[in-house]
N, C-alpha and C. Protein backbone atom coordinates (compact mmCIF):
# COMPACT_ATOMS: atom_id res chain seq x y z
N MET A 1 0.66 -1.31 -0.16
CA MET A 1 -0.31 0.29 -0.27
C MET A 1 0.79 1.38 -0.04
N SER A 2 0.69 1.94 -1.02
CA SER A 2 1.36 3.16 -1.23
C SER A 2 0.73 4.54 -0.29
N LYS A 3 1.70 5.44 -0.24
CA LYS A 3 0.98 6.68 0.72
C LYS A 3 -0.03 7.32 -0.08
N TYR A 4 -0.01 7.19 -1.49
CA TYR A 4 -0.99 8.04 -2.01
C TYR A 4 -2.34 7.20 -2.48
N ASP A 5 -2.47 6.40 -1.60
CA ASP A 5 -3.98 5.41 -1.90
C ASP A 5 -5.01 6.21 -1.45
N TRP A 6 -4.93 7.12 -0.42
CA TRP A 6 -5.80 7.65 0.19
C TRP A 6 -6.48 8.73 -0.77
N ALA A 7 -5.56 9.06 -2.01
CA ALA A 7 -6.12 10.09 -2.85
C ALA A 7 -6.92 9.44 -4.00
N LYS A 8 -6.75 8.32 -4.28
CA LYS A 8 -7.24 7.13 -5.12
C LYS A 8 -8.87 7.16 -4.53
N LYS A 9 -8.82 6.75 -3.46
CA LYS A 9 -10.33 6.52 -2.74
C LYS A 9 -10.93 7.67 -2.38
N ILE A 10 -10.93 8.77 -2.64
CA ILE A 10 -11.63 10.02 -2.79
C ILE A 10 -12.62 9.98 -3.81
N ASP A 11 -13.90 9.80 -3.47
CA ASP A 11 -14.74 9.79 -5.09
C ASP A 11 -15.45 11.09 -4.82
N LEU A 12 -15.39 11.99 -5.95
CA LEU A 12 -16.07 13.39 -5.75
C LEU A 12 -17.52 12.85 -6.22
N ALA A 13 -17.99 11.86 -6.62
CA ALA A 13 -19.19 11.94 -7.63
C ALA A 13 -19.96 11.46 -5.94
N ARG A 14 -19.58 11.05 -5.11
CA ARG A 14 -20.48 10.76 -3.76
C ARG A 14 -21.17 12.53 -3.15
N PHE A 15 -20.34 13.53 -3.81
CA PHE A 15 -20.77 14.74 -3.20
C PHE A 15 -21.91 15.43 -3.93
N SER A 16 -22.41 15.99 -3.60
CA SER A 16 -23.57 17.00 -4.36
C SER A 16 -22.79 18.11 -4.99
N PRO A 17 -23.57 18.52 -6.16
CA PRO A 17 -22.83 19.58 -6.83
C PRO A 17 -22.51 20.86 -5.87
N ARG A 18 -23.29 21.30 -4.90
CA ARG A 18 -23.15 22.31 -4.18
C ARG A 18 -21.90 22.08 -3.34
N GLU A 19 -21.77 20.76 -2.72
CA GLU A 19 -20.29 20.46 -1.67
C GLU A 19 -19.15 20.48 -2.75
N ARG A 20 -19.06 19.92 -4.04
CA ARG A 20 -18.30 20.22 -5.06
C ARG A 20 -17.86 21.45 -5.22
N MET A 21 -19.00 22.67 -5.55
CA MET A 21 -18.29 23.87 -5.54
C MET A 21 -17.71 24.51 -4.31
N MET A 22 -18.03 24.18 -2.98
CA MET A 22 -17.76 24.55 -1.82
C MET A 22 -16.46 24.18 -1.86
N LEU A 23 -16.24 22.91 -2.08
CA LEU A 23 -14.79 22.28 -2.09
C LEU A 23 -13.86 23.18 -3.15
N LEU A 24 -14.26 23.54 -4.41
CA LEU A 24 -13.57 23.87 -5.27
C LEU A 24 -13.22 25.57 -4.81
N ILE A 25 -14.44 26.20 -4.33
CA ILE A 25 -14.03 27.71 -3.79
C ILE A 25 -12.91 27.56 -2.67
N THR A 26 -13.05 26.54 -1.69
CA THR A 26 -12.29 26.61 -0.62
C THR A 26 -10.54 26.46 -1.20
N ALA A 27 -10.50 25.32 -2.21
CA ALA A 27 -9.35 25.23 -2.70
C ALA A 27 -8.59 26.62 -3.51
N VAL A 28 -9.48 27.16 -4.36
CA VAL A 28 -9.26 28.44 -5.01
C VAL A 28 -8.57 29.71 -3.73
N ALA A 29 -9.67 29.65 -2.63
CA ALA A 29 -9.11 30.46 -1.51
C ALA A 29 -7.90 30.27 -0.80
N VAL A 30 -7.73 29.01 -0.60
CA VAL A 30 -6.67 28.57 -0.03
C VAL A 30 -5.25 28.89 -0.73
N ALA A 31 -5.46 28.62 -1.80
CA ALA A 31 -4.27 29.08 -3.27
C ALA A 31 -4.35 30.26 -3.26
N ILE A 32 -5.06 31.30 -3.01
CA ILE A 32 -5.08 32.50 -3.01
C ILE A 32 -4.44 33.16 -1.95
N PHE A 33 -4.67 32.78 -0.85
CA PHE A 33 -4.21 33.21 0.40
C PHE A 33 -2.50 32.66 0.31
N LEU A 34 -2.52 31.40 0.11
CA LEU A 34 -0.96 31.05 -0.01
C LEU A 34 -0.14 32.01 -1.11
N LEU A 35 -0.67 32.24 -2.12
CA LEU A 35 -0.11 33.19 -2.67
C LEU A 35 -0.02 34.62 -2.36
N ALA A 36 -0.89 35.05 -1.81
CA ALA A 36 -1.35 36.67 -1.09
C ALA A 36 -0.08 36.69 0.05
N TYR A 37 -0.37 35.80 0.68
CA TYR A 37 0.20 36.16 2.00
C TYR A 37 1.71 35.13 2.72
N ILE A 38 1.98 34.53 1.55
CA ILE A 38 3.24 33.58 1.96
C ILE A 38 4.13 34.03 0.92
N TYR A 39 3.66 33.26 -0.48
CA TYR A 39 4.35 33.42 -1.57
C TYR A 39 4.94 35.17 -2.04
N LEU A 40 3.98 35.76 -2.48
CA LEU A 40 4.44 37.11 -3.14
C LEU A 40 5.64 37.89 -2.02
N PRO A 41 4.96 37.94 -0.34
CA PRO A 41 6.04 38.61 0.53
C PRO A 41 7.55 38.04 0.75
N ALA A 42 7.47 36.98 0.50
CA ALA A 42 8.86 36.18 0.49
C ALA A 42 9.62 36.52 -0.92
N HIS A 43 8.92 36.42 -1.92
CA HIS A 43 9.44 37.06 -3.32
C HIS A 43 9.99 38.74 -3.21
N ARG A 44 8.81 39.28 -2.62
CA ARG A 44 9.56 40.79 -2.85
C ARG A 44 10.60 40.96 -1.77
N GLN A 45 10.52 39.93 -0.69
CA GLN A 45 12.09 40.09 0.14
C GLN A 45 13.11 39.82 -0.63
N VAL A 46 12.79 38.76 -1.25
CA VAL A 46 14.28 38.28 -2.06
C VAL A 46 15.05 39.00 -3.43
N LEU A 47 13.61 39.86 -3.54
CA LEU A 47 14.28 40.97 -4.52
C LEU A 47 14.48 42.02 -3.57
N ALA A 48 14.17 42.41 -2.80
CA ALA A 48 15.00 43.36 -1.99
C ALA A 48 16.34 42.85 -1.56
N LEU A 49 16.26 41.58 -1.15
CA LEU A 49 17.99 41.31 -0.57
C LEU A 49 18.78 41.45 -1.86
N VAL A 50 18.20 40.63 -2.86
CA VAL A 50 19.27 40.68 -4.03
C VAL A 50 19.86 42.06 -4.55
N GLN A 51 18.81 42.92 -4.72
CA GLN A 51 19.14 44.37 -4.80
C GLN A 51 20.12 44.71 -3.91
N GLU A 52 19.70 44.64 -2.50
CA GLU A 52 20.54 44.98 -1.21
C GLU A 52 22.16 44.54 -1.69
N HIS A 53 21.96 43.29 -2.12
CA HIS A 53 23.62 42.57 -2.24
C HIS A 53 24.07 43.28 -3.14
N LYS A 54 23.57 43.60 -4.69
CA LYS A 54 24.33 44.33 -5.59
C LYS A 54 24.58 45.36 -5.05
N GLN A 55 24.16 46.42 -4.22
CA GLN A 55 24.54 47.51 -3.90
C GLN A 55 25.48 47.52 -3.05
N LEU A 56 25.55 46.73 -2.03
CA LEU A 56 26.41 46.13 -1.11
C LEU A 56 28.19 45.83 -1.79
N ASN A 57 27.79 45.12 -3.01
CA ASN A 57 28.81 45.04 -3.45
C ASN A 57 29.45 45.93 -4.24
N ARG A 58 28.74 46.93 -4.76
CA ARG A 58 29.15 47.93 -5.20
C ARG A 58 30.06 49.11 -4.21
N GLU A 59 29.46 48.92 -3.39
CA GLU A 59 29.98 49.73 -2.30
C GLU A 59 31.33 49.02 -1.83
N VAL A 60 31.39 47.53 -1.45
CA VAL A 60 32.60 47.21 -1.29
C VAL A 60 33.42 47.74 -2.24
N MET A 61 33.46 47.50 -3.99
CA MET A 61 34.25 47.47 -4.90
C MET A 61 34.98 49.07 -4.35
N GLY A 62 34.17 50.21 -4.27
CA GLY A 62 34.22 51.50 -3.95
C GLY A 62 35.46 51.54 -2.24
N LEU A 63 34.91 50.63 -1.68
CA LEU A 63 35.68 50.77 -0.39
C LEU A 63 37.19 50.42 -0.69
N GLU A 64 36.90 49.21 -1.43
CA GLU A 64 38.65 48.73 -1.77
C GLU A 64 39.20 49.83 -2.37
N GLN A 65 38.62 50.07 -3.62
CA GLN A 65 39.24 51.40 -4.55
C GLN A 65 39.91 52.12 -3.26
N GLN A 66 38.93 52.85 -2.27
CA GLN A 66 39.39 53.67 -1.47
C GLN A 66 40.71 53.31 -0.23
N LEU A 67 40.69 52.18 -0.15
CA LEU A 67 41.40 51.56 0.90
C LEU A 67 42.94 51.97 -0.01
N ASP A 68 42.97 51.14 -1.15
CA ASP A 68 44.33 51.35 -1.90
C ASP A 68 44.84 52.74 -2.01
N GLU A 69 43.76 53.70 -2.28
CA GLU A 69 44.54 55.05 -2.36
C GLU A 69 45.02 55.33 -1.07
N ALA A 70 44.34 54.97 0.12
CA ALA A 70 44.73 55.40 1.40
C ALA A 70 46.07 54.64 1.54
N ARG A 71 46.32 53.43 1.38
CA ARG A 71 47.49 52.56 1.51
C ARG A 71 48.81 53.59 0.67
N LYS A 72 48.40 54.22 -0.21
CA LYS A 72 49.46 54.87 -1.33
C LYS A 72 49.70 55.92 -0.20
N ILE A 73 48.61 56.77 0.08
CA ILE A 73 48.88 57.43 0.61
C ILE A 73 49.66 57.58 1.88
N THR A 74 49.39 56.43 2.73
CA THR A 74 50.40 56.09 3.84
C THR A 74 51.66 56.17 3.84
N LYS A 75 52.07 55.22 2.35
CA LYS A 75 53.18 55.01 1.96
C LYS A 75 54.10 56.56 1.77
N ARG A 76 53.07 57.32 1.17
CA ARG A 76 53.94 58.63 0.62
C ARG A 76 53.80 59.70 2.15
N MET A 77 52.76 59.43 2.83
CA MET A 77 53.17 59.92 4.10
C MET A 77 54.24 59.78 5.13
N LYS A 78 54.44 58.37 5.04
CA LYS A 78 55.68 57.96 5.63
C LYS A 78 57.06 58.25 4.82
N ILE A 79 57.27 58.12 3.76
CA ILE A 79 58.55 58.72 2.96
C ILE A 79 58.53 60.23 3.17
N PHE A 80 57.66 60.97 3.06
CA PHE A 80 57.70 62.34 3.62
C PHE A 80 58.12 62.71 4.89
N LYS A 81 57.51 61.79 5.86
CA LYS A 81 57.94 61.90 7.22
C LYS A 81 58.92 62.00 7.49
N HIS A 82 59.65 60.69 6.91
CA HIS A 82 61.42 60.58 6.82
C HIS A 82 62.13 61.82 6.20
N THR A 83 61.75 62.18 5.35
CA THR A 83 62.56 63.34 4.38
C THR A 83 62.23 64.69 5.11
N GLU A 84 60.93 65.03 5.66
CA GLU A 84 60.87 66.37 6.23
C GLU A 84 60.96 66.42 7.73
N SER A 85 60.85 67.54 8.46
CA SER A 85 60.83 67.32 9.79
C SER A 85 59.67 67.58 10.55
N SER A 86 59.03 68.46 9.41
CA SER A 86 57.63 69.24 10.02
C SER A 86 56.45 68.19 10.31
N GLU A 87 55.74 68.33 11.13
CA GLU A 87 54.89 67.20 11.46
C GLU A 87 53.46 67.84 10.70
N SER A 88 53.40 69.10 10.85
CA SER A 88 51.97 69.89 10.58
C SER A 88 51.99 69.67 8.86
N GLU A 89 52.97 69.67 8.41
CA GLU A 89 52.97 69.67 6.66
C GLU A 89 52.38 68.29 6.40
N THR A 90 53.17 67.38 7.24
CA THR A 90 52.65 65.82 7.03
C THR A 90 51.28 65.89 7.43
N LEU A 91 50.37 66.07 7.92
CA LEU A 91 49.45 66.16 8.43
C LEU A 91 48.27 67.06 7.35
N LEU A 92 48.91 67.90 6.26
CA LEU A 92 48.11 68.64 5.40
C LEU A 92 48.26 67.70 3.87
N ILE A 93 48.95 66.48 3.84
CA ILE A 93 49.01 65.81 2.59
C ILE A 93 47.96 65.15 2.30
N ALA A 94 47.37 65.70 0.90
CA ALA A 94 46.31 65.19 0.36
C ALA A 94 46.76 64.71 -0.70
N TYR A 95 45.84 63.90 -1.85
CA TYR A 95 46.40 63.38 -2.62
C TYR A 95 45.69 63.99 -4.05
N ARG A 96 46.09 63.85 -5.24
CA ARG A 96 45.46 64.59 -6.24
C ARG A 96 44.11 63.89 -6.72
N GLN A 97 42.99 64.55 -6.85
CA GLN A 97 41.91 64.00 -7.65
C GLN A 97 41.18 65.37 -8.08
N SER A 98 40.35 64.98 -9.29
CA SER A 98 39.67 66.03 -9.85
C SER A 98 38.47 66.11 -9.09
N LEU A 99 37.64 67.23 -9.29
CA LEU A 99 36.37 67.64 -8.82
C LEU A 99 35.29 66.66 -9.08
N SER A 100 35.08 66.07 -10.19
CA SER A 100 34.01 64.86 -10.46
C SER A 100 34.35 63.71 -9.43
N VAL A 101 35.56 63.25 -8.99
CA VAL A 101 36.10 62.05 -8.58
C VAL A 101 35.51 62.38 -7.09
N ILE A 102 35.96 63.79 -6.45
CA ILE A 102 35.47 64.11 -5.36
C ILE A 102 33.79 63.64 -5.14
N LEU A 103 33.27 64.33 -6.13
CA LEU A 103 31.88 64.72 -5.87
C LEU A 103 31.31 63.05 -6.05
N GLU A 104 31.57 62.28 -7.24
CA GLU A 104 31.56 61.10 -6.76
C GLU A 104 31.41 60.12 -5.63
N GLU A 105 32.35 60.28 -4.90
CA GLU A 105 32.97 60.10 -3.69
C GLU A 105 31.79 60.35 -2.66
N LEU A 106 31.66 61.54 -2.52
CA LEU A 106 30.67 62.40 -1.70
C LEU A 106 29.29 61.50 -2.05
N ASN A 107 28.68 61.51 -3.07
CA ASN A 107 27.84 60.99 -3.57
C ASN A 107 27.52 59.25 -3.40
N ARG A 108 28.69 58.61 -3.16
CA ARG A 108 28.70 56.98 -3.29
C ARG A 108 28.54 57.32 -1.32
N LEU A 109 29.12 58.13 -0.68
CA LEU A 109 28.71 58.17 0.99
C LEU A 109 27.35 58.42 1.35
N ALA A 110 26.98 59.31 0.58
CA ALA A 110 25.59 59.73 0.45
C ALA A 110 24.75 58.53 0.36
N LYS A 111 24.63 58.04 -0.57
CA LYS A 111 23.73 56.36 -1.03
C LYS A 111 24.14 55.27 0.02
N ALA A 112 25.27 55.33 0.48
CA ALA A 112 25.21 54.15 1.34
C ALA A 112 24.86 54.72 2.66
N THR A 113 24.71 56.12 3.14
CA THR A 113 23.83 56.34 4.64
C THR A 113 22.23 56.67 4.30
N GLY A 114 21.96 56.54 3.13
CA GLY A 114 20.75 56.79 2.91
C GLY A 114 20.24 58.40 2.86
N VAL A 115 21.41 59.11 2.52
CA VAL A 115 21.10 60.54 2.45
C VAL A 115 20.55 61.12 0.52
N ASP A 116 19.89 61.82 0.66
CA ASP A 116 19.55 62.23 -0.94
C ASP A 116 20.31 63.43 -1.41
N PHE A 117 21.04 63.54 -2.16
CA PHE A 117 21.43 64.61 -2.74
C PHE A 117 20.55 65.65 -3.31
N LEU A 118 20.36 66.99 -3.18
CA LEU A 118 19.47 67.75 -3.59
C LEU A 118 20.04 68.64 -4.66
N SER A 119 21.32 69.29 -4.21
CA SER A 119 22.25 70.27 -5.11
C SER A 119 23.74 70.33 -4.56
N VAL A 120 24.24 70.55 -5.33
CA VAL A 120 26.06 70.72 -5.15
C VAL A 120 26.24 71.64 -6.14
N LYS A 121 27.14 72.71 -5.30
CA LYS A 121 27.47 73.80 -5.95
C LYS A 121 29.23 74.18 -5.53
N PRO A 122 29.86 73.47 -6.37
CA PRO A 122 31.61 73.78 -5.96
C PRO A 122 31.81 75.48 -6.05
N ASP A 123 32.56 76.09 -5.28
CA ASP A 123 33.31 77.27 -5.41
C ASP A 123 34.43 76.97 -6.15
N GLU A 124 35.00 78.23 -6.43
CA GLU A 124 36.55 78.25 -6.75
C GLU A 124 37.58 77.83 -6.05
N ILE A 125 38.28 77.18 -6.81
CA ILE A 125 39.53 76.31 -5.71
C ILE A 125 40.46 77.60 -5.24
N GLU A 126 41.03 77.50 -4.26
CA GLU A 126 41.62 78.20 -3.19
C GLU A 126 42.85 77.53 -3.05
N GLU A 127 44.11 78.45 -3.05
CA GLU A 127 45.48 77.81 -2.99
C GLU A 127 45.68 78.54 -1.40
N GLN A 128 45.97 77.39 -0.37
CA GLN A 128 46.34 77.51 0.68
C GLN A 128 47.70 76.87 0.78
N GLY A 129 48.94 77.07 1.15
CA GLY A 129 50.02 76.69 0.96
C GLY A 129 50.25 75.75 0.04
N GLY A 130 50.73 74.66 0.03
CA GLY A 130 50.85 73.68 -0.92
C GLY A 130 49.58 72.81 -1.54
N LEU A 131 48.52 73.13 -0.83
CA LEU A 131 47.33 72.52 -1.18
C LEU A 131 46.39 73.36 -1.90
N ALA A 132 45.40 72.69 -2.77
CA ALA A 132 44.32 73.27 -3.30
C ALA A 132 43.13 73.00 -2.42
N ALA A 133 42.31 74.16 -1.80
CA ALA A 133 41.37 73.98 -1.01
C ALA A 133 39.93 74.13 -1.91
N GLN A 134 39.24 72.98 -2.14
CA GLN A 134 38.10 72.89 -3.08
C GLN A 134 36.72 73.12 -2.36
N PRO A 135 36.16 74.37 -2.13
CA PRO A 135 35.35 74.44 -1.06
C PRO A 135 33.66 73.99 -1.86
N ILE A 136 32.89 73.47 -1.30
CA ILE A 136 31.57 72.51 -1.81
C ILE A 136 30.29 72.94 -1.04
N LEU A 137 29.25 73.62 -1.45
CA LEU A 137 28.10 73.72 -0.77
C LEU A 137 27.10 72.59 -1.32
N ILE A 138 26.57 71.84 -0.29
CA ILE A 138 25.80 70.50 -0.64
C ILE A 138 24.51 70.90 -0.04
N ASP A 139 23.41 70.52 -0.50
CA ASP A 139 21.91 70.71 -0.41
C ASP A 139 21.48 68.96 -0.13
N LEU A 140 21.40 68.63 0.89
CA LEU A 140 21.00 67.21 1.40
C LEU A 140 19.73 66.93 2.00
N ARG A 141 18.91 65.81 1.87
CA ARG A 141 17.80 65.52 2.61
C ARG A 141 18.04 64.36 3.47
N SER A 142 18.35 64.20 4.48
CA SER A 142 18.07 62.72 5.11
C SER A 142 17.36 62.93 6.72
N SER A 143 17.50 61.62 7.27
CA SER A 143 17.09 61.55 8.75
C SER A 143 18.21 62.12 9.53
N PHE A 144 18.05 62.15 10.72
CA PHE A 144 18.70 62.65 11.55
C PHE A 144 20.19 61.84 11.72
N LYS A 145 19.33 60.66 11.85
CA LYS A 145 20.63 59.37 11.94
C LYS A 145 21.56 59.27 10.80
N GLY A 146 20.78 58.84 9.48
CA GLY A 146 21.58 59.06 8.60
C GLY A 146 22.61 59.88 8.12
N MET A 147 22.17 61.55 8.70
CA MET A 147 23.17 62.72 8.43
C MET A 147 24.19 62.50 9.42
N GLY A 148 24.01 61.76 10.72
CA GLY A 148 25.15 61.59 11.83
C GLY A 148 26.05 60.49 11.07
N LYS A 149 25.83 59.31 10.17
CA LYS A 149 26.46 58.66 9.91
C LYS A 149 27.22 59.17 8.42
N TYR A 150 26.84 60.01 7.84
CA TYR A 150 27.25 60.80 6.46
C TYR A 150 28.57 61.45 6.99
N VAL A 151 27.87 62.19 8.13
CA VAL A 151 29.20 63.39 8.59
C VAL A 151 30.49 62.36 9.06
N GLN A 152 30.39 61.06 10.15
CA GLN A 152 31.16 60.33 10.42
C GLN A 152 32.10 59.61 9.44
N MET A 153 31.20 59.26 8.11
CA MET A 153 32.32 58.93 6.99
C MET A 153 32.89 59.78 6.44
N LEU A 154 32.41 61.00 6.29
CA LEU A 154 33.55 62.39 5.63
C LEU A 154 34.45 62.39 6.45
N GLU A 155 34.17 62.11 7.81
CA GLU A 155 35.35 62.53 8.74
C GLU A 155 36.37 61.12 8.26
N ASN A 156 36.07 59.94 7.87
CA ASN A 156 37.00 58.89 8.15
C ASN A 156 37.62 58.80 6.33
N LEU A 157 37.24 59.96 5.45
CA LEU A 157 37.96 59.56 4.51
C LEU A 157 39.29 59.80 4.32
N PRO A 158 40.07 59.17 3.21
CA PRO A 158 41.61 59.38 3.32
C PRO A 158 41.99 60.65 2.95
N ARG A 159 41.57 61.79 2.48
CA ARG A 159 41.77 63.08 2.26
C ARG A 159 41.24 63.79 3.26
N MET A 160 41.95 64.98 3.45
CA MET A 160 41.15 66.09 4.45
C MET A 160 40.11 66.62 4.23
N VAL A 161 39.23 66.77 4.75
CA VAL A 161 37.76 67.46 4.63
C VAL A 161 37.49 68.18 5.89
N LYS A 162 37.45 69.62 5.77
CA LYS A 162 36.93 70.29 6.83
C LYS A 162 35.44 71.06 6.45
N ILE A 163 34.47 70.63 7.40
CA ILE A 163 33.02 70.95 7.33
C ILE A 163 33.27 72.40 7.82
N GLN A 164 33.05 73.32 7.21
CA GLN A 164 33.00 75.03 7.66
C GLN A 164 31.62 75.14 8.08
N ASN A 165 30.37 74.92 7.66
CA ASN A 165 29.00 75.06 8.26
C ASN A 165 28.15 73.85 8.12
N LEU A 166 27.23 73.73 8.69
CA LEU A 166 26.04 72.74 8.83
C LEU A 166 24.92 73.20 8.98
N LYS A 167 23.85 73.56 8.32
CA LYS A 167 22.84 74.10 8.73
C LYS A 167 21.30 73.03 8.51
N ILE A 168 20.73 72.70 9.72
CA ILE A 168 19.66 71.61 9.82
C ILE A 168 18.40 72.59 9.69
N GLU A 169 17.47 71.52 8.67
CA GLU A 169 16.28 72.58 9.65
C GLU A 169 15.10 71.47 8.84
N ALA A 170 14.13 71.42 9.35
CA ALA A 170 12.94 70.39 9.25
C ALA A 170 12.53 70.62 8.01
N ASP A 171 12.22 69.43 7.37
CA ASP A 171 11.47 69.36 5.92
C ASP A 171 9.94 69.40 6.01
N PRO A 172 9.71 70.69 5.58
CA PRO A 172 8.06 70.69 5.25
C PRO A 172 7.25 69.71 4.81
N ASP A 173 8.14 69.11 3.78
CA ASP A 173 6.99 67.69 2.98
C ASP A 173 6.93 66.87 3.75
N ASP A 174 7.99 66.70 4.54
CA ASP A 174 8.21 65.16 5.23
C ASP A 174 8.90 65.25 6.89
N ALA A 175 7.72 64.68 7.42
CA ALA A 175 8.33 65.03 9.20
C ALA A 175 9.30 64.43 9.57
N ALA A 176 9.64 63.02 8.50
CA ALA A 176 10.98 62.29 9.16
C ALA A 176 11.98 62.82 8.63
N SER A 177 12.11 63.82 7.56
CA SER A 177 13.30 64.10 7.26
C SER A 177 13.60 65.67 7.29
N LEU A 178 14.87 65.73 6.93
CA LEU A 178 15.78 67.10 7.57
C LEU A 178 16.20 67.83 6.25
N LEU A 179 16.20 68.66 6.29
CA LEU A 179 16.84 69.58 5.04
C LEU A 179 18.25 70.01 5.53
N ILE A 180 19.38 69.82 4.66
CA ILE A 180 20.48 70.12 5.41
C ILE A 180 21.49 70.89 4.32
N GLN A 181 22.17 71.96 4.75
CA GLN A 181 23.00 72.64 3.97
C GLN A 181 24.46 72.14 4.60
N LEU A 182 25.51 71.73 3.64
CA LEU A 182 26.73 71.62 4.28
C LEU A 182 27.37 72.44 3.49
N TYR A 183 28.45 73.15 4.30
CA TYR A 183 29.42 73.67 3.46
C TYR A 183 30.52 73.08 3.83
N LEU A 184 31.58 72.82 2.99
CA LEU A 184 32.84 72.02 3.32
C LEU A 184 33.63 72.05 2.31
N THR A 185 34.77 72.22 2.80
CA THR A 185 36.25 72.25 1.90
C THR A 185 37.30 71.05 1.90
N VAL A 186 37.41 70.50 0.68
CA VAL A 186 38.31 69.17 0.29
C VAL A 186 39.73 69.88 -0.03
N TYR A 187 40.58 69.23 0.80
CA TYR A 187 41.91 69.57 0.38
C TYR A 187 42.58 68.71 -0.61
N LEU A 188 43.14 69.07 -1.53
CA LEU A 188 43.68 67.95 -2.63
C LEU A 188 45.18 69.02 -2.72
N GLU A 189 46.18 67.71 -3.39
CA GLU A 189 47.39 68.32 -3.67
C GLU A 189 47.49 69.07 -5.20
N LYS A 190 47.78 70.13 -5.12
CA LYS A 190 47.96 71.20 -6.67
C LYS A 190 48.72 70.20 -7.55
N ASN A 191 48.48 70.20 -8.82
CA ASN A 191 49.11 69.71 -9.79
C ASN A 191 50.15 70.34 -10.41
């Protein structure tokens, strides 16, 4: 006797047409319930996890590039430290980057922390000693927690970034968001 013999013994002919209709409606309702409340939410969650995985892979690749650049800078700073006696000049060493790469890096950090860029306005480059100072005015929208993470990531960049001004206002359109105006200066090595 196999385990499927019970299915062969079910005789639908013994049920009345009304009972057969009720069985069919019940089976359809159970199928719709399973589809709507079990399969579709799980499917949406899988798609969200796949998307998050792709985004995290992009972030890891960006961080690996940033780590390689930081290692190069560390080597240059060690060489510079041994050749120069002034420690204050050693702290101000930055590396060559164009404005587009800097903006791309700031945008990447914003995406990683859930901060939305509204506008970016770079000012003219100023020369300060052996460095070029690139002031940038950025308008952002974020939660308070996301903004804290973004500022912390700015502090951990391998280049010198000085936050000149930070203005925070409540977003009139969204009670959970803040409008942030961030004025910062990124220091670059002059070409």
